[in-house]
Amino acid sequence: MNTTPEHDARMANMTFASVYPHYLTKVEKKGRTKAELHHVISWLTGFDEEQLQELIDEKATFADFFKRANLHPNAHLITGVICGYRVEQIQTPLTQQVRYLDKLVDELAKGKKMEKILRAAQQQNT
């Protein structure tokens, strides 16, 4: 699935700090915790609490955020539709990575079990 160059540029230039409060509000409204959100973000990116806070404080763009991340080797197992895009078909790597994060946050907010969100059962089959 192709995204437009304008869409990709918007994703790259958006700051993690501007989106993070929305992620937190979304999951807490559904009864999940900040710790669970951080666990999901850490699984995908490898960032610990301190690194996440640094990225927020410096208002890192998603381009910089994912450039510094150590994407989980099983991130490719994240599939499905988020914001009208099928994540596994997005051609632009950065846009796909941002949508991976969106998808994980969405799954957390929808009450999925953590082992499913973190693709634990699928990991054993790969």
PDB file of N, CA and C in Angstrom:
ATOM      1  N   MET A   1       0.859  -1.172   0.000  1.00  0.00           N
ATOM      2  CA  MET A   1       0.000   0.000   0.000  1.00  0.00           C
ATOM      3  C   MET A   1       0.902   1.230   0.000  1.00  0.00           C
ATOM      4  N   ASN A   2       0.660   2.102  -0.928  1.00  0.00           N
ATOM      5  CA  ASN A   2       1.471   3.296  -1.028  1.00  0.00           C
ATOM      6  C   ASN A   2       0.835   4.455  -0.269  1.00  0.00           C
ATOM      7  N   THR A   3       1.676   5.161   0.442  1.00  0.00           N
ATOM      8  CA  THR A   3       1.270   6.395   1.085  1.00  0.00           C
ATOM      9  C   THR A   3       1.800   7.524   0.207  1.00  0.00           C
ATOM     10  N   THR A   4       1.295   8.713   0.384  1.00  0.00           N
ATOM     11  CA  THR A   4       1.763   9.833  -0.429  1.00  0.00           C
ATOM     12  C   THR A   4       3.054  10.389   0.167  1.00  0.00           C
ATOM     13  N   PRO A   5       3.870  11.028  -0.649  1.00  0.00           N
ATOM     14  CA  PRO A   5       5.083  11.660  -0.112  1.00  0.00           C
ATOM     15  C   PRO A   5       4.764  12.688   0.980  1.00  0.00           C
ATOM     16  N   GLU A   6       3.644  13.393   0.822  1.00  0.00           N
ATOM     17  CA  GLU A   6       3.242  14.380   1.824  1.00  0.00           C
ATOM     18  C   GLU A   6       2.912  13.691   3.154  1.00  0.00           C
ATOM     19  N   HIS A   7       2.219  12.574   3.079  1.00  0.00           N
ATOM     20  CA  HIS A   7       1.881  11.808   4.276  1.00  0.00           C
ATOM     21  C   HIS A   7       3.150  11.315   4.954  1.00  0.00           C
ATOM     22  N   ASP A   8       4.073  10.778   4.181  1.00  0.00           N
ATOM     23  CA  ASP A   8       5.326  10.269   4.738  1.00  0.00           C
ATOM     24  C   ASP A   8       6.129  11.389   5.399  1.00  0.00           C
ATOM     25  N   ALA A   9       6.177  12.562   4.763  1.00  0.00           N
ATOM     26  CA  ALA A   9       6.908  13.697   5.326  1.00  0.00           C
ATOM     27  C   ALA A   9       6.254  14.161   6.625  1.00  0.00           C
ATOM     28  N   ARG A  10       4.934  14.163   6.654  1.00  0.00           N
ATOM     29  CA  ARG A  10       4.218  14.565   7.869  1.00  0.00           C
ATOM     30  C   ARG A  10       4.540  13.604   9.012  1.00  0.00           C
ATOM     31  N   MET A  11       4.572  12.316   8.721  1.00  0.00           N
ATOM     32  CA  MET A  11       4.892  11.312   9.750  1.00  0.00           C
ATOM     33  C   MET A  11       6.324  11.511  10.253  1.00  0.00           C
ATOM     34  N   ALA A  12       7.253  11.736   9.342  1.00  0.00           N
ATOM     35  CA  ALA A  12       8.664  11.884   9.700  1.00  0.00           C
ATOM     36  C   ALA A  12       8.897  13.104  10.584  1.00  0.00           C
ATOM     37  N   ASN A  13       8.179  14.186  10.318  1.00  0.00           N
ATOM     38  CA  ASN A  13       8.406  15.445  11.022  1.00  0.00           C
ATOM     39  C   ASN A  13       7.573  15.620  12.284  1.00  0.00           C
ATOM     40  N   MET A  14       6.623  14.734  12.502  1.00  0.00           N
ATOM     41  CA  MET A  14       5.809  14.786  13.716  1.00  0.00           C
ATOM     42  C   MET A  14       6.691  14.401  14.906  1.00  0.00           C
ATOM     43  N   THR A  15       6.503  15.063  16.028  1.00  0.00           N
ATOM     44  CA  THR A  15       7.320  14.718  17.188  1.00  0.00           C
ATOM     45  C   THR A  15       6.642  13.638  18.029  1.00  0.00           C
ATOM     46  N   PHE A  16       7.479  12.779  18.576  1.00  0.00           N
ATOM     47  CA  PHE A  16       6.971  11.752  19.479  1.00  0.00           C
ATOM     48  C   PHE A  16       6.278  12.402  20.673  1.00  0.00           C
ATOM     49  N   ALA A  17       6.847  13.520  21.155  1.00  0.00           N
ATOM     50  CA  ALA A  17       6.280  14.225  22.313  1.00  0.00           C
ATOM     51  C   ALA A  17       4.865  14.715  22.049  1.00  0.00           C
ATOM     52  N   SER A  18       4.546  15.039  20.800  1.00  0.00           N
ATOM     53  CA  SER A  18       3.200  15.527  20.495  1.00  0.00           C
ATOM     54  C   SER A  18       2.172  14.397  20.445  1.00  0.00           C
ATOM     55  N   VAL A  19       2.623  13.189  20.183  1.00  0.00           N
ATOM     56  CA  VAL A  19       1.717  12.045  20.048  1.00  0.00           C
ATOM     57  C   VAL A  19       1.614  11.241  21.348  1.00  0.00           C
ATOM     58  N   TYR A  20       2.695  11.206  22.100  1.00  0.00           N
ATOM     59  CA  TYR A  20       2.734  10.396  23.323  1.00  0.00           C
ATOM     60  C   TYR A  20       1.560  10.660  24.277  1.00  0.00           C
ATOM     61  N   PRO A  21       1.210  11.929  24.567  1.00  0.00           N
ATOM     62  CA  PRO A  21       0.065  12.146  25.481  1.00  0.00           C
ATOM     63  C   PRO A  21      -1.232  11.527  24.961  1.00  0.00           C
ATOM     64  N   HIS A  22      -1.396  11.482  23.651  1.00  0.00           N
ATOM     65  CA  HIS A  22      -2.596  10.874  23.059  1.00  0.00           C
ATOM     66  C   HIS A  22      -2.576   9.356  23.250  1.00  0.00           C
ATOM     67  N   TYR A  23      -1.398   8.766  23.078  1.00  0.00           N
ATOM     68  CA  TYR A  23      -1.262   7.327  23.345  1.00  0.00           C
ATOM     69  C   TYR A  23      -1.640   7.032  24.790  1.00  0.00           C
ATOM     70  N   LEU A  24      -1.089   7.817  25.703  1.00  0.00           N
ATOM     71  CA  LEU A  24      -1.319   7.589  27.129  1.00  0.00           C
ATOM     72  C   LEU A  24      -2.799   7.756  27.479  1.00  0.00           C
ATOM     73  N   THR A  25      -3.414   8.816  26.999  1.00  0.00           N
ATOM     74  CA  THR A  25      -4.833   9.047  27.255  1.00  0.00           C
ATOM     75  C   THR A  25      -5.669   7.895  26.707  1.00  0.00           C
ATOM     76  N   LYS A  26      -5.348   7.462  25.504  1.00  0.00           N
ATOM     77  CA  LYS A  26      -6.105   6.385  24.855  1.00  0.00           C
ATOM     78  C   LYS A  26      -6.071   5.107  25.690  1.00  0.00           C
ATOM     79  N   VAL A  27      -4.892   4.707  26.147  1.00  0.00           N
ATOM     80  CA  VAL A  27      -4.813   3.444  26.883  1.00  0.00           C
ATOM     81  C   VAL A  27      -5.376   3.579  28.299  1.00  0.00           C
ATOM     82  N   GLU A  28      -5.149   4.726  28.948  1.00  0.00           N
ATOM     83  CA  GLU A  28      -5.667   4.889  30.310  1.00  0.00           C
ATOM     84  C   GLU A  28      -7.186   4.973  30.331  1.00  0.00           C
ATOM     85  N   LYS A  29      -7.779   5.555  29.293  1.00  0.00           N
ATOM     86  CA  LYS A  29      -9.243   5.619  29.204  1.00  0.00           C
ATOM     87  C   LYS A  29      -9.849   4.224  29.138  1.00  0.00           C
ATOM     88  N   LYS A  30      -9.073   3.280  28.625  1.00  0.00           N
ATOM     89  CA  LYS A  30      -9.560   1.907  28.475  1.00  0.00           C
ATOM     90  C   LYS A  30      -9.078   0.995  29.606  1.00  0.00           C
ATOM     91  N   GLY A  31      -8.544   1.610  30.672  1.00  0.00           N
ATOM     92  CA  GLY A  31      -8.170   0.824  31.844  1.00  0.00           C
ATOM     93  C   GLY A  31      -6.775   0.234  31.814  1.00  0.00           C
ATOM     94  N   ARG A  32      -5.968   0.608  30.855  1.00  0.00           N
ATOM     95  CA  ARG A  32      -4.584   0.129  30.808  1.00  0.00           C
ATOM     96  C   ARG A  32      -3.687   1.163  31.479  1.00  0.00           C
ATOM     97  N   THR A  33      -2.436   0.815  31.719  1.00  0.00           N
ATOM     98  CA  THR A  33      -1.560   1.682  32.498  1.00  0.00           C
ATOM     99  C   THR A  33      -0.421   2.268  31.664  1.00  0.00           C
ATOM    100  N   LYS A  34       0.172   3.300  32.234  1.00  0.00           N
ATOM    101  CA  LYS A  34       1.352   3.915  31.630  1.00  0.00           C
ATOM    102  C   LYS A  34       2.477   2.882  31.536  1.00  0.00           C
ATOM    103  N   ALA A  35       2.613   2.056  32.560  1.00  0.00           N
ATOM    104  CA  ALA A  35       3.645   1.010  32.565  1.00  0.00           C
ATOM    105  C   ALA A  35       3.437   0.040  31.403  1.00  0.00           C
ATOM    106  N   GLU A  36       2.185  -0.315  31.131  1.00  0.00           N
ATOM    107  CA  GLU A  36       1.909  -1.212  30.003  1.00  0.00           C
ATOM    108  C   GLU A  36       2.236  -0.535  28.677  1.00  0.00           C
ATOM    109  N   LEU A  37       1.895   0.747  28.574  1.00  0.00           N
ATOM    110  CA  LEU A  37       2.230   1.493  27.365  1.00  0.00           C
ATOM    111  C   LEU A  37       3.738   1.511  27.157  1.00  0.00           C
ATOM    112  N   HIS A  38       4.481   1.802  28.211  1.00  0.00           N
ATOM    113  CA  HIS A  38       5.940   1.841  28.097  1.00  0.00           C
ATOM    114  C   HIS A  38       6.511   0.472  27.755  1.00  0.00           C
ATOM    115  N   HIS A  39       5.893  -0.577  28.283  1.00  0.00           N
ATOM    116  CA  HIS A  39       6.340  -1.941  27.972  1.00  0.00           C
ATOM    117  C   HIS A  39       6.192  -2.222  26.469  1.00  0.00           C
ATOM    118  N   VAL A  40       5.070  -1.826  25.910  1.00  0.00           N
ATOM    119  CA  VAL A  40       4.812  -2.022  24.481  1.00  0.00           C
ATOM    120  C   VAL A  40       5.794  -1.196  23.637  1.00  0.00           C
ATOM    121  N   ILE A  41       5.995   0.062  24.019  1.00  0.00           N
ATOM    122  CA  ILE A  41       6.921   0.920  23.276  1.00  0.00           C
ATOM    123  C   ILE A  41       8.340   0.356  23.369  1.00  0.00           C
ATOM    124  N   SER A  42       8.709  -0.093  24.548  1.00  0.00           N
ATOM    125  CA  SER A  42      10.037  -0.670  24.753  1.00  0.00           C
ATOM    126  C   SER A  42      10.232  -1.928  23.921  1.00  0.00           C
ATOM    127  N   TRP A  43       9.216  -2.779  23.868  1.00  0.00           N
ATOM    128  CA  TRP A  43       9.312  -4.000  23.061  1.00  0.00           C
ATOM    129  C   TRP A  43       9.605  -3.648  21.609  1.00  0.00           C
ATOM    130  N   LEU A  44       8.884  -2.680  21.073  1.00  0.00           N
ATOM    131  CA  LEU A  44       9.050  -2.319  19.667  1.00  0.00           C
ATOM    132  C   LEU A  44      10.379  -1.625  19.404  1.00  0.00           C
ATOM    133  N   THR A  45      10.786  -0.718  20.298  1.00  0.00           N
ATOM    134  CA  THR A  45      11.905   0.177  19.999  1.00  0.00           C
ATOM    135  C   THR A  45      13.202  -0.118  20.746  1.00  0.00           C
ATOM    136  N   GLY A  46      13.104  -0.822  21.870  1.00  0.00           N
ATOM    137  CA  GLY A  46      14.274  -1.056  22.699  1.00  0.00           C
ATOM    138  C   GLY A  46      14.555   0.069  23.680  1.00  0.00           C
ATOM    139  N   PHE A  47      13.753   1.140  23.674  1.00  0.00           N
ATOM    140  CA  PHE A  47      13.981   2.267  24.578  1.00  0.00           C
ATOM    141  C   PHE A  47      13.540   1.932  25.989  1.00  0.00           C
ATOM    142  N   ASP A  48      14.352   2.356  26.971  1.00  0.00           N
ATOM    143  CA  ASP A  48      13.935   2.226  28.365  1.00  0.00           C
ATOM    144  C   ASP A  48      13.247   3.521  28.793  1.00  0.00           C
ATOM    145  N   GLU A  49      12.803   3.564  30.042  1.00  0.00           N
ATOM    146  CA  GLU A  49      12.071   4.734  30.561  1.00  0.00           C
ATOM    147  C   GLU A  49      12.865   6.029  30.383  1.00  0.00           C
ATOM    148  N   GLU A  50      14.134   5.973  30.733  1.00  0.00           N
ATOM    149  CA  GLU A  50      14.976   7.166  30.671  1.00  0.00           C
ATOM    150  C   GLU A  50      15.126   7.657  29.224  1.00  0.00           C
ATOM    151  N   GLN A  51      15.362   6.738  28.319  1.00  0.00           N
ATOM    152  CA  GLN A  51      15.502   7.115  26.909  1.00  0.00           C
ATOM    153  C   GLN A  51      14.205   7.697  26.356  1.00  0.00           C
ATOM    154  N   LEU A  52      13.067   7.103  26.735  1.00  0.00           N
ATOM    155  CA  LEU A  52      11.774   7.636  26.298  1.00  0.00           C
ATOM    156  C   LEU A  52      11.596   9.072  26.771  1.00  0.00           C
ATOM    157  N   GLN A  53      11.923   9.317  28.034  1.00  0.00           N
ATOM    158  CA  GLN A  53      11.773  10.659  28.577  1.00  0.00           C
ATOM    159  C   GLN A  53      12.706  11.643  27.864  1.00  0.00           C
ATOM    160  N   GLU A  54      13.916  11.220  27.553  1.00  0.00           N
ATOM    161  CA  GLU A  54      14.850  12.077  26.824  1.00  0.00           C
ATOM    162  C   GLU A  54      14.282  12.443  25.447  1.00  0.00           C
ATOM    163  N   LEU A  55      13.713  11.476  24.766  1.00  0.00           N
ATOM    164  CA  LEU A  55      13.136  11.713  23.441  1.00  0.00           C
ATOM    165  C   LEU A  55      11.950  12.675  23.527  1.00  0.00           C
ATOM    166  N   ILE A  56      11.173  12.546  24.582  1.00  0.00           N
ATOM    167  CA  ILE A  56      10.052  13.453  24.790  1.00  0.00           C
ATOM    168  C   ILE A  56      10.574  14.859  25.082  1.00  0.00           C
ATOM    169  N   ASP A  57      11.543  14.950  25.984  1.00  0.00           N
ATOM    170  CA  ASP A  57      12.084  16.254  26.385  1.00  0.00           C
ATOM    171  C   ASP A  57      12.726  16.999  25.218  1.00  0.00           C
ATOM    172  N   GLU A  58      13.415  16.274  24.369  1.00  0.00           N
ATOM    173  CA  GLU A  58      14.085  16.944  23.243  1.00  0.00           C
ATOM    174  C   GLU A  58      13.178  17.101  22.028  1.00  0.00           C
ATOM    175  N   LYS A  59      11.927  16.661  22.171  1.00  0.00           N
ATOM    176  CA  LYS A  59      10.948  16.765  21.087  1.00  0.00           C
ATOM    177  C   LYS A  59      11.471  16.137  19.780  1.00  0.00           C
ATOM    178  N   ALA A  60      11.948  14.914  19.919  1.00  0.00           N
ATOM    179  CA  ALA A  60      12.477  14.174  18.778  1.00  0.00           C
ATOM    180  C   ALA A  60      11.364  13.893  17.767  1.00  0.00           C
ATOM    181  N   THR A  61      11.686  14.071  16.502  1.00  0.00           N
ATOM    182  CA  THR A  61      10.740  13.717  15.446  1.00  0.00           C
ATOM    183  C   THR A  61      10.661  12.194  15.361  1.00  0.00           C
ATOM    184  N   PHE A  62       9.626  11.702  14.710  1.00  0.00           N
ATOM    185  CA  PHE A  62       9.541  10.260  14.509  1.00  0.00           C
ATOM    186  C   PHE A  62      10.711   9.762  13.664  1.00  0.00           C
ATOM    187  N   ALA A  63      11.198  10.584  12.746  1.00  0.00           N
ATOM    188  CA  ALA A  63      12.363  10.183  11.942  1.00  0.00           C
ATOM    189  C   ALA A  63      13.548   9.912  12.861  1.00  0.00           C
ATOM    190  N   ASP A  64      13.807  10.809  13.808  1.00  0.00           N
ATOM    191  CA  ASP A  64      14.921  10.636  14.733  1.00  0.00           C
ATOM    192  C   ASP A  64      14.625   9.517  15.731  1.00  0.00           C
ATOM    193  N   PHE A  65      13.384   9.469  16.203  1.00  0.00           N
ATOM    194  CA  PHE A  65      12.950   8.444  17.157  1.00  0.00           C
ATOM    195  C   PHE A  65      13.256   7.045  16.617  1.00  0.00           C
ATOM    196  N   PHE A  66      12.831   6.772  15.392  1.00  0.00           N
ATOM    197  CA  PHE A  66      13.024   5.431  14.842  1.00  0.00           C
ATOM    198  C   PHE A  66      14.439   5.207  14.316  1.00  0.00           C
ATOM    199  N   LYS A  67      15.157   6.280  14.010  1.00  0.00           N
ATOM    200  CA  LYS A  67      16.565   6.136  13.625  1.00  0.00           C
ATOM    201  C   LYS A  67      17.368   5.613  14.815  1.00  0.00           C
ATOM    202  N   ARG A  68      17.000   6.057  16.014  1.00  0.00           N
ATOM    203  CA  ARG A  68      17.705   5.632  17.235  1.00  0.00           C
ATOM    204  C   ARG A  68      17.205   4.302  17.783  1.00  0.00           C
ATOM    205  N   ALA A  69      16.036   3.895  17.364  1.00  0.00           N
ATOM    206  CA  ALA A  69      15.421   2.673  17.904  1.00  0.00           C
ATOM    207  C   ALA A  69      16.131   1.422  17.393  1.00  0.00           C
ATOM    208  N   ASN A  70      16.052   0.396  18.206  1.00  0.00           N
ATOM    209  CA  ASN A  70      16.462  -0.949  17.786  1.00  0.00           C
ATOM    210  C   ASN A  70      15.168  -1.733  17.610  1.00  0.00           C
ATOM    211  N   LEU A  71      14.621  -1.659  16.409  1.00  0.00           N
ATOM    212  CA  LEU A  71      13.320  -2.271  16.160  1.00  0.00           C
ATOM    213  C   LEU A  71      13.363  -3.763  16.476  1.00  0.00           C
ATOM    214  N   HIS A  72      12.351  -4.222  17.172  1.00  0.00           N
ATOM    215  CA  HIS A  72      12.270  -5.634  17.550  1.00  0.00           C
ATOM    216  C   HIS A  72      12.303  -6.499  16.289  1.00  0.00           C
ATOM    217  N   PRO A  73      13.052  -7.593  16.318  1.00  0.00           N
ATOM    218  CA  PRO A  73      13.138  -8.442  15.118  1.00  0.00           C
ATOM    219  C   PRO A  73      11.803  -9.030  14.680  1.00  0.00           C
ATOM    220  N   ASN A  74      10.824  -9.060  15.577  1.00  0.00           N
ATOM    221  CA  ASN A  74       9.516  -9.595  15.204  1.00  0.00           C
ATOM    222  C   ASN A  74       8.488  -8.506  14.919  1.00  0.00           C
ATOM    223  N   ALA A  75       8.938  -7.288  14.722  1.00  0.00           N
ATOM    224  CA  ALA A  75       8.016  -6.194  14.402  1.00  0.00           C
ATOM    225  C   ALA A  75       7.234  -6.500  13.125  1.00  0.00           C
ATOM    226  N   HIS A  76       7.859  -7.246  12.224  1.00  0.00           N
ATOM    227  CA  HIS A  76       7.172  -7.592  10.967  1.00  0.00           C
ATOM    228  C   HIS A  76       5.912  -8.439  11.202  1.00  0.00           C
ATOM    229  N   LEU A  77       5.772  -8.988  12.397  1.00  0.00           N
ATOM    230  CA  LEU A  77       4.579  -9.777  12.718  1.00  0.00           C
ATOM    231  C   LEU A  77       3.374  -8.900  13.044  1.00  0.00           C
ATOM    232  N   ILE A  78       3.595  -7.594  13.152  1.00  0.00           N
ATOM    233  CA  ILE A  78       2.494  -6.666  13.418  1.00  0.00           C
ATOM    234  C   ILE A  78       1.743  -6.470  12.107  1.00  0.00           C
ATOM    235  N   THR A  79       0.495  -6.871  12.105  1.00  0.00           N
ATOM    236  CA  THR A  79      -0.321  -6.779  10.895  1.00  0.00           C
ATOM    237  C   THR A  79      -1.677  -6.187  11.247  1.00  0.00           C
ATOM    238  N   GLY A  80      -2.398  -5.807  10.226  1.00  0.00           N
ATOM    239  CA  GLY A  80      -3.738  -5.297  10.429  1.00  0.00           C
ATOM    240  C   GLY A  80      -3.869  -3.874   9.926  1.00  0.00           C
ATOM    241  N   VAL A  81      -5.057  -3.333  10.119  1.00  0.00           N
ATOM    242  CA  VAL A  81      -5.364  -2.001   9.611  1.00  0.00           C
ATOM    243  C   VAL A  81      -5.329  -0.998  10.759  1.00  0.00           C
ATOM    244  N   ILE A  82      -4.658   0.115  10.511  1.00  0.00           N
ATOM    245  CA  ILE A  82      -4.641   1.225  11.456  1.00  0.00           C
ATOM    246  C   ILE A  82      -4.681   2.513  10.642  1.00  0.00           C
ATOM    247  N   CYS A  83      -5.560   3.401  11.008  1.00  0.00           N
ATOM    248  CA  CYS A  83      -5.719   4.689  10.313  1.00  0.00           C
ATOM    249  C   CYS A  83      -5.943   4.499   8.814  1.00  0.00           C
ATOM    250  N   GLY A  84      -6.636   3.434   8.464  1.00  0.00           N
ATOM    251  CA  GLY A  84      -6.964   3.192   7.063  1.00  0.00           C
ATOM    252  C   GLY A  84      -5.874   2.531   6.250  1.00  0.00           C
ATOM    253  N   TYR A  85      -4.776   2.189   6.880  1.00  0.00           N
ATOM    254  CA  TYR A  85      -3.660   1.553   6.161  1.00  0.00           C
ATOM    255  C   TYR A  85      -3.416   0.162   6.710  1.00  0.00           C
ATOM    256  N   ARG A  86      -3.171  -0.787   5.823  1.00  0.00           N
ATOM    257  CA  ARG A  86      -2.766  -2.130   6.231  1.00  0.00           C
ATOM    258  C   ARG A  86      -1.265  -2.060   6.476  1.00  0.00           C
ATOM    259  N   VAL A  87      -0.848  -2.175   7.740  1.00  0.00           N
ATOM    260  CA  VAL A  87       0.538  -1.884   8.117  1.00  0.00           C
ATOM    261  C   VAL A  87       1.564  -2.744   7.394  1.00  0.00           C
ATOM    262  N   GLU A  88       1.234  -3.990   7.152  1.00  0.00           N
ATOM    263  CA  GLU A  88       2.205  -4.871   6.504  1.00  0.00           C
ATOM    264  C   GLU A  88       2.415  -4.535   5.027  1.00  0.00           C
ATOM    265  N   GLN A  89       1.568  -3.687   4.462  1.00  0.00           N
ATOM    266  CA  GLN A  89       1.689  -3.321   3.046  1.00  0.00           C
ATOM    267  C   GLN A  89       2.240  -1.912   2.823  1.00  0.00           C
ATOM    268  N   ILE A  90       2.530  -1.192   3.899  1.00  0.00           N
ATOM    269  CA  ILE A  90       3.070   0.166   3.750  1.00  0.00           C
ATOM    270  C   ILE A  90       4.492   0.066   3.212  1.00  0.00           C
ATOM    271  N   GLN A  91       4.766   0.792   2.151  1.00  0.00           N
ATOM    272  CA  GLN A  91       6.053   0.707   1.456  1.00  0.00           C
ATOM    273  C   GLN A  91       7.162   1.536   2.102  1.00  0.00           C
ATOM    274  N   THR A  92       6.831   2.655   2.718  1.00  0.00           N
ATOM    275  CA  THR A  92       7.831   3.546   3.298  1.00  0.00           C
ATOM    276  C   THR A  92       8.189   3.040   4.698  1.00  0.00           C
ATOM    277  N   PRO A  93       9.450   2.648   4.935  1.00  0.00           N
ATOM    278  CA  PRO A  93       9.819   2.048   6.224  1.00  0.00           C
ATOM    279  C   PRO A  93       9.470   2.898   7.443  1.00  0.00           C
ATOM    280  N   LEU A  94       9.758   4.183   7.425  1.00  0.00           N
ATOM    281  CA  LEU A  94       9.466   5.014   8.594  1.00  0.00           C
ATOM    282  C   LEU A  94       7.964   5.089   8.855  1.00  0.00           C
ATOM    283  N   THR A  95       7.186   5.304   7.816  1.00  0.00           N
ATOM    284  CA  THR A  95       5.731   5.361   7.982  1.00  0.00           C
ATOM    285  C   THR A  95       5.224   4.029   8.528  1.00  0.00           C
ATOM    286  N   GLN A  96       5.766   2.933   8.044  1.00  0.00           N
ATOM    287  CA  GLN A  96       5.370   1.622   8.543  1.00  0.00           C
ATOM    288  C   GLN A  96       5.717   1.478  10.027  1.00  0.00           C
ATOM    289  N   GLN A  97       6.887   1.959  10.435  1.00  0.00           N
ATOM    290  CA  GLN A  97       7.286   1.861  11.833  1.00  0.00           C
ATOM    291  C   GLN A  97       6.369   2.682  12.739  1.00  0.00           C
ATOM    292  N   VAL A  98       6.006   3.882  12.293  1.00  0.00           N
ATOM    293  CA  VAL A  98       5.080   4.703  13.076  1.00  0.00           C
ATOM    294  C   VAL A  98       3.742   3.978  13.201  1.00  0.00           C
ATOM    295  N   ARG A  99       3.287   3.387  12.116  1.00  0.00           N
ATOM    296  CA  ARG A  99       2.005   2.667  12.157  1.00  0.00           C
ATOM    297  C   ARG A  99       2.102   1.386  12.980  1.00  0.00           C
ATOM    298  N   TYR A 100       3.275   0.756  13.038  1.00  0.00           N
ATOM    299  CA  TYR A 100       3.464  -0.374  13.956  1.00  0.00           C
ATOM    300  C   TYR A 100       3.172   0.089  15.383  1.00  0.00           C
ATOM    301  N   LEU A 101       3.759   1.225  15.752  1.00  0.00           N
ATOM    302  CA  LEU A 101       3.559   1.758  17.093  1.00  0.00           C
ATOM    303  C   LEU A 101       2.088   2.083  17.326  1.00  0.00           C
ATOM    304  N   ASP A 102       1.456   2.734  16.351  1.00  0.00           N
ATOM    305  CA  ASP A 102       0.028   3.044  16.464  1.00  0.00           C
ATOM    306  C   ASP A 102      -0.793   1.774  16.664  1.00  0.00           C
ATOM    307  N   LYS A 103      -0.459   0.738  15.922  1.00  0.00           N
ATOM    308  CA  LYS A 103      -1.203  -0.521  15.993  1.00  0.00           C
ATOM    309  C   LYS A 103      -1.051  -1.169  17.369  1.00  0.00           C
ATOM    310  N   LEU A 104       0.164  -1.156  17.906  1.00  0.00           N
ATOM    311  CA  LEU A 104       0.385  -1.743  19.230  1.00  0.00           C
ATOM    312  C   LEU A 104      -0.393  -0.988  20.299  1.00  0.00           C
ATOM    313  N   VAL A 105      -0.378   0.335  20.218  1.00  0.00           N
ATOM    314  CA  VAL A 105      -1.123   1.160  21.182  1.00  0.00           C
ATOM    315  C   VAL A 105      -2.615   0.866  21.052  1.00  0.00           C
ATOM    316  N   ASP A 106      -3.096   0.748  19.830  1.00  0.00           N
ATOM    317  CA  ASP A 106      -4.505   0.451  19.597  1.00  0.00           C
ATOM    318  C   ASP A 106      -4.883  -0.910  20.196  1.00  0.00           C
ATOM    319  N   GLU A 107      -4.037  -1.904  19.999  1.00  0.00           N
ATOM    320  CA  GLU A 107      -4.305  -3.236  20.547  1.00  0.00           C
ATOM    321  C   GLU A 107      -4.320  -3.196  22.076  1.00  0.00           C
ATOM    322  N   LEU A 108      -3.404  -2.438  22.660  1.00  0.00           N
ATOM    323  CA  LEU A 108      -3.368  -2.294  24.115  1.00  0.00           C
ATOM    324  C   LEU A 108      -4.668  -1.664  24.605  1.00  0.00           C
ATOM    325  N   ALA A 109      -5.100  -0.608  23.947  1.00  0.00           N
ATOM    326  CA  ALA A 109      -6.333   0.083  24.333  1.00  0.00           C
ATOM    327  C   ALA A 109      -7.561  -0.807  24.146  1.00  0.00           C
ATOM    328  N   LYS A 110      -7.511  -1.703  23.185  1.00  0.00           N
ATOM    329  CA  LYS A 110      -8.655  -2.591  22.945  1.00  0.00           C
ATOM    330  C   LYS A 110      -8.703  -3.767  23.910  1.00  0.00           C
ATOM    331  N   GLY A 111      -7.717  -3.830  24.811  1.00  0.00           N
ATOM    332  CA  GLY A 111      -7.756  -4.858  25.843  1.00  0.00           C
ATOM    333  C   GLY A 111      -7.119  -6.184  25.470  1.00  0.00           C
ATOM    334  N   LYS A 112      -6.370  -6.219  24.389  1.00  0.00           N
ATOM    335  CA  LYS A 112      -5.699  -7.474  24.037  1.00  0.00           C
ATOM    336  C   LYS A 112      -4.703  -7.853  25.126  1.00  0.00           C
ATOM    337  N   LYS A 113      -4.472  -9.147  25.252  1.00  0.00           N
ATOM    338  CA  LYS A 113      -3.503  -9.633  26.225  1.00  0.00           C
ATOM    339  C   LYS A 113      -2.104  -9.236  25.774  1.00  0.00           C
ATOM    340  N   MET A 114      -1.262  -8.930  26.751  1.00  0.00           N
ATOM    341  CA  MET A 114       0.082  -8.445  26.462  1.00  0.00           C
ATOM    342  C   MET A 114       0.871  -9.434  25.608  1.00  0.00           C
ATOM    343  N   GLU A 115       0.741 -10.733  25.867  1.00  0.00           N
ATOM    344  CA  GLU A 115       1.508 -11.702  25.075  1.00  0.00           C
ATOM    345  C   GLU A 115       1.090 -11.697  23.599  1.00  0.00           C
ATOM    346  N   LYS A 116      -0.176 -11.382  23.331  1.00  0.00           N
ATOM    347  CA  LYS A 116      -0.622 -11.268  21.934  1.00  0.00           C
ATOM    348  C   LYS A 116      -0.086  -9.993  21.304  1.00  0.00           C
ATOM    349  N   ILE A 117      -0.123  -8.889  22.071  1.00  0.00           N
ATOM    350  CA  ILE A 117       0.382  -7.617  21.561  1.00  0.00           C
ATOM    351  C   ILE A 117       1.855  -7.743  21.216  1.00  0.00           C
ATOM    352  N   LEU A 118       2.602  -8.430  22.070  1.00  0.00           N
ATOM    353  CA  LEU A 118       4.042  -8.572  21.874  1.00  0.00           C
ATOM    354  C   LEU A 118       4.404  -9.762  20.991  1.00  0.00           C
ATOM    355  N   ARG A 119       3.396 -10.322  20.374  1.00  0.00           N
ATOM    356  CA  ARG A 119       3.581 -11.407  19.401  1.00  0.00           C
ATOM    357  C   ARG A 119       4.346 -12.581  19.987  1.00  0.00           C
ATOM    358  N   ALA A 120       4.108 -12.896  21.271  1.00  0.00           N
ATOM    359  CA  ALA A 120       4.849 -13.960  21.963  1.00  0.00           C
ATOM    360  C   ALA A 120       4.587 -15.327  21.348  1.00  0.00           C
ATOM    361  N   ALA A 121       3.342 -15.657  21.068  1.00  0.00           N
ATOM    362  CA  ALA A 121       3.032 -16.973  20.500  1.00  0.00           C
ATOM    363  C   ALA A 121       3.586 -17.079  19.073  1.00  0.00           C
ATOM    364  N   GLN A 122       3.520 -16.002  18.320  1.00  0.00           N
ATOM    365  CA  GLN A 122       4.024 -16.023  16.950  1.00  0.00           C
ATOM    366  C   GLN A 122       5.538 -16.132  16.920  1.00  0.00           C
ATOM    367  N   GLN A 123       6.223 -15.581  17.912  1.00  0.00           N
ATOM    368  CA  GLN A 123       7.672 -15.643  17.971  1.00  0.00           C
ATOM    369  C   GLN A 123       8.138 -17.084  17.966  1.00  0.00           C
ATOM    370  N   GLN A 124       7.427 -17.931  18.703  1.00  0.00           N
ATOM    371  CA  GLN A 124       7.840 -19.331  18.809  1.00  0.00           C
ATOM    372  C   GLN A 124       7.695 -20.058  17.475  1.00  0.00           C
ATOM    373  N   ASN A 125       6.819 -19.535  16.611  1.00  0.00           N
ATOM    374  CA  ASN A 125       6.561 -20.194  15.327  1.00  0.00           C
ATOM    375  C   ASN A 125       7.435 -19.661  14.197  1.00  0.00           C
ATOM    376  N   THR A 126       8.261 -18.658  14.474  1.00  0.00           N
ATOM    377  CA  THR A 126       9.073 -18.091  13.394  1.00  0.00           C
ATOM    378  C   THR A 126      10.467 -18.657  13.388  1.00  0.00           C
TER     379      THR A 126
END
